[in-house]
Amino acid sequence: MKTKNVIVTMAASLFLLACSAALDIPTETNLEKGKAIYPDLTLAQLQEGKKVYEEKCTLCHKAKNPKHFTEKTFSQTIPAMINKASKKGITFTENEKEVMMRYLKTMNIE
């Protein structure tokens, strides 16, 4: 019985991993583009924003590629999702919100 539980758990983990979106890792090129919006932006902030997005948002749904987001996503959907997450006990500090938005908006720049 114990072996069966381990196998089921491993299979479920592999399934979830396979279904998750592969998000781009922020690069120096992304950083330079992002500085057009956020002049004080750092690569560390982009990396932290990606981490927050992956760790917190995927508690409710798979991570979506920020390249497909619209201005409505940034102004309405993401704040609504943060509010919805807080009702489920998933909290974001002000810094986490800021670095996540910086990551998402920067990675959305063509």
C-alpha atoms as a PDB file:
ATOM      1  CA  MET A   1       0.000   0.000   0.000  1.00  0.00           C
ATOM      2  CA  LYS A   2       2.834   2.387   0.897  1.00  0.00           C
ATOM      3  CA  THR A   3       4.542   1.772  -2.454  1.00  0.00           C
ATOM      4  CA  LYS A   4       1.299   2.459  -4.292  1.00  0.00           C
ATOM      5  CA  ASN A   5       0.925   5.829  -2.495  1.00  0.00           C
ATOM      6  CA  VAL A   6       4.497   6.785  -3.401  1.00  0.00           C
ATOM      7  CA  ILE A   7       3.925   5.885  -7.056  1.00  0.00           C
ATOM      8  CA  VAL A   8       0.646   7.846  -7.194  1.00  0.00           C
ATOM      9  CA  THR A   9       2.296  10.862  -5.551  1.00  0.00           C
ATOM     10  CA  MET A  10       5.233  10.758  -7.971  1.00  0.00           C
ATOM     11  CA  ALA A  11       2.929  10.416 -10.979  1.00  0.00           C
ATOM     12  CA  ALA A  12       0.825  13.369  -9.839  1.00  0.00           C
ATOM     13  CA  SER A  13       3.951  15.469  -9.299  1.00  0.00           C
ATOM     14  CA  LEU A  14       5.277  14.661 -12.767  1.00  0.00           C
ATOM     15  CA  PHE A  15       1.900  15.479 -14.300  1.00  0.00           C
ATOM     16  CA  LEU A  16       1.788  18.866 -12.578  1.00  0.00           C
ATOM     17  CA  LEU A  17       5.361  19.611 -13.595  1.00  0.00           C
ATOM     18  CA  ALA A  18       4.644  18.734 -17.210  1.00  0.00           C
ATOM     19  CA  CYS A  19       1.563  20.970 -17.254  1.00  0.00           C
ATOM     20  CA  SER A  20       3.278  24.028 -15.837  1.00  0.00           C
ATOM     21  CA  ALA A  21       4.244  26.804 -18.210  1.00  0.00           C
ATOM     22  CA  ALA A  22       7.930  27.331 -18.802  1.00  0.00           C
ATOM     23  CA  LEU A  23       8.528  30.966 -17.967  1.00  0.00           C
ATOM     24  CA  ASP A  24      11.402  32.898 -19.463  1.00  0.00           C
ATOM     25  CA  ILE A  25      14.285  33.607 -17.140  1.00  0.00           C
ATOM     26  CA  PRO A  26      14.975  37.357 -16.977  1.00  0.00           C
ATOM     27  CA  THR A  27      18.116  38.409 -18.848  1.00  0.00           C
ATOM     28  CA  GLU A  28      20.200  41.568 -19.148  1.00  0.00           C
ATOM     29  CA  THR A  29      18.278  42.300 -22.372  1.00  0.00           C
ATOM     30  CA  ASN A  30      14.975  42.145 -20.474  1.00  0.00           C
ATOM     31  CA  LEU A  31      16.476  44.360 -17.803  1.00  0.00           C
ATOM     32  CA  GLU A  32      17.423  47.037 -20.319  1.00  0.00           C
ATOM     33  CA  LYS A  33      13.930  46.980 -21.843  1.00  0.00           C
ATOM     34  CA  GLY A  34      12.329  47.108 -18.395  1.00  0.00           C
ATOM     35  CA  LYS A  35      14.341  50.169 -17.431  1.00  0.00           C
ATOM     36  CA  ALA A  36      12.231  52.132 -19.932  1.00  0.00           C
ATOM     37  CA  ILE A  37       9.330  51.637 -17.485  1.00  0.00           C
ATOM     38  CA  TYR A  38      11.262  51.299 -14.239  1.00  0.00           C
ATOM     39  CA  PRO A  39      14.571  53.240 -14.390  1.00  0.00           C
ATOM     40  CA  ASP A  40      15.725  51.766 -11.047  1.00  0.00           C
ATOM     41  CA  LEU A  41      14.954  48.155 -12.067  1.00  0.00           C
ATOM     42  CA  THR A  42      17.506  45.461 -11.208  1.00  0.00           C
ATOM     43  CA  LEU A  43      18.001  41.936 -12.467  1.00  0.00           C
ATOM     44  CA  ALA A  44      17.565  40.721  -8.876  1.00  0.00           C
ATOM     45  CA  GLN A  45      14.089  42.335  -8.777  1.00  0.00           C
ATOM     46  CA  LEU A  46      13.111  40.585 -12.006  1.00  0.00           C
ATOM     47  CA  GLN A  47      14.326  37.243 -10.666  1.00  0.00           C
ATOM     48  CA  GLU A  48      12.484  37.776  -7.381  1.00  0.00           C
ATOM     49  CA  GLY A  49       9.318  38.773  -9.267  1.00  0.00           C
ATOM     50  CA  LYS A  50       9.468  35.580 -11.317  1.00  0.00           C
ATOM     51  CA  LYS A  51       9.886  33.565  -8.118  1.00  0.00           C
ATOM     52  CA  VAL A  52       6.883  35.248  -6.463  1.00  0.00           C
ATOM     53  CA  TYR A  53       4.769  34.692  -9.589  1.00  0.00           C
ATOM     54  CA  GLU A  54       5.743  31.018  -9.819  1.00  0.00           C
ATOM     55  CA  GLU A  55       5.410  30.260  -6.123  1.00  0.00           C
ATOM     56  CA  LYS A  56       2.246  32.149  -5.223  1.00  0.00           C
ATOM     57  CA  CYS A  57       0.123  32.345  -8.359  1.00  0.00           C
ATOM     58  CA  THR A  58       0.551  28.681  -9.183  1.00  0.00           C
ATOM     59  CA  LEU A  59      -1.094  27.767  -5.902  1.00  0.00           C
ATOM     60  CA  CYS A  60      -4.399  28.477  -7.677  1.00  0.00           C
ATOM     61  CA  HIS A  61      -3.654  28.069 -11.403  1.00  0.00           C
ATOM     62  CA  LYS A  62      -0.832  27.396 -13.825  1.00  0.00           C
ATOM     63  CA  ALA A  63       1.490  30.277 -14.601  1.00  0.00           C
ATOM     64  CA  LYS A  64       0.595  32.088 -17.788  1.00  0.00           C
ATOM     65  CA  ASN A  65       3.216  33.565 -20.079  1.00  0.00           C
ATOM     66  CA  PRO A  66       3.360  37.333 -19.443  1.00  0.00           C
ATOM     67  CA  LYS A  67       3.925  37.924 -23.164  1.00  0.00           C
ATOM     68  CA  HIS A  68       0.216  37.269 -23.677  1.00  0.00           C
ATOM     69  CA  PHE A  69      -0.988  39.744 -21.051  1.00  0.00           C
ATOM     70  CA  THR A  70      -2.842  42.928 -21.967  1.00  0.00           C
ATOM     71  CA  GLU A  71      -3.030  46.270 -20.180  1.00  0.00           C
ATOM     72  CA  LYS A  72      -6.345  45.073 -18.702  1.00  0.00           C
ATOM     73  CA  THR A  73      -4.475  42.110 -17.215  1.00  0.00           C
ATOM     74  CA  PHE A  74      -2.125  44.483 -15.419  1.00  0.00           C
ATOM     75  CA  SER A  75      -4.696  47.050 -14.325  1.00  0.00           C
ATOM     76  CA  GLN A  76      -7.610  44.778 -13.398  1.00  0.00           C
ATOM     77  CA  THR A  77      -7.002  41.026 -13.549  1.00  0.00           C
ATOM     78  CA  ILE A  78      -3.810  40.752 -11.508  1.00  0.00           C
ATOM     79  CA  PRO A  79      -5.054  42.999  -8.666  1.00  0.00           C
ATOM     80  CA  ALA A  80      -8.303  40.971  -8.627  1.00  0.00           C
ATOM     81  CA  MET A  81      -6.327  37.713  -8.486  1.00  0.00           C
ATOM     82  CA  ILE A  82      -4.214  39.020  -5.595  1.00  0.00           C
ATOM     83  CA  ASN A  83      -7.419  39.923  -3.758  1.00  0.00           C
ATOM     84  CA  LYS A  84      -8.923  36.510  -4.498  1.00  0.00           C
ATOM     85  CA  ALA A  85      -5.739  34.784  -3.302  1.00  0.00           C
ATOM     86  CA  SER A  86      -5.819  36.715  -0.026  1.00  0.00           C
ATOM     87  CA  LYS A  87      -9.273  35.282   0.647  1.00  0.00           C
ATOM     88  CA  LYS A  88      -7.675  31.834   0.342  1.00  0.00           C
ATOM     89  CA  GLY A  89      -4.927  32.764   2.795  1.00  0.00           C
ATOM     90  CA  ILE A  90      -2.274  33.459   0.152  1.00  0.00           C
ATOM     91  CA  THR A  91      -0.738  36.769   1.081  1.00  0.00           C
ATOM     92  CA  PHE A  92       1.570  39.098  -0.818  1.00  0.00           C
ATOM     93  CA  THR A  93       3.744  41.734   0.791  1.00  0.00           C
ATOM     94  CA  GLU A  94       3.852  45.134  -0.904  1.00  0.00           C
ATOM     95  CA  ASN A  95       7.371  44.306  -2.098  1.00  0.00           C
ATOM     96  CA  GLU A  96       6.204  40.976  -3.560  1.00  0.00           C
ATOM     97  CA  LYS A  97       3.401  42.725  -5.445  1.00  0.00           C
ATOM     98  CA  GLU A  98       5.817  45.326  -6.775  1.00  0.00           C
ATOM     99  CA  VAL A  99       8.542  42.937  -7.959  1.00  0.00           C
ATOM    100  CA  MET A 100       5.979  40.575  -9.470  1.00  0.00           C
ATOM    101  CA  MET A 101       4.353  43.393 -11.467  1.00  0.00           C
ATOM    102  CA  ARG A 102       7.790  44.606 -12.554  1.00  0.00           C
ATOM    103  CA  TYR A 103       8.645  41.087 -13.737  1.00  0.00           C
ATOM    104  CA  LEU A 104       5.346  40.593 -15.556  1.00  0.00           C
ATOM    105  CA  LYS A 105       5.345  44.001 -17.266  1.00  0.00           C
ATOM    106  CA  THR A 106       9.018  43.733 -18.235  1.00  0.00           C
ATOM    107  CA  MET A 107       8.635  40.232 -19.673  1.00  0.00           C
ATOM    108  CA  ASN A 108       5.644  41.531 -21.658  1.00  0.00           C
ATOM    109  CA  ILE A 109       7.807  44.032 -23.589  1.00  0.00           C
ATOM    110  CA  GLU A 110       8.576  42.968 -27.148  1.00  0.00           C
END
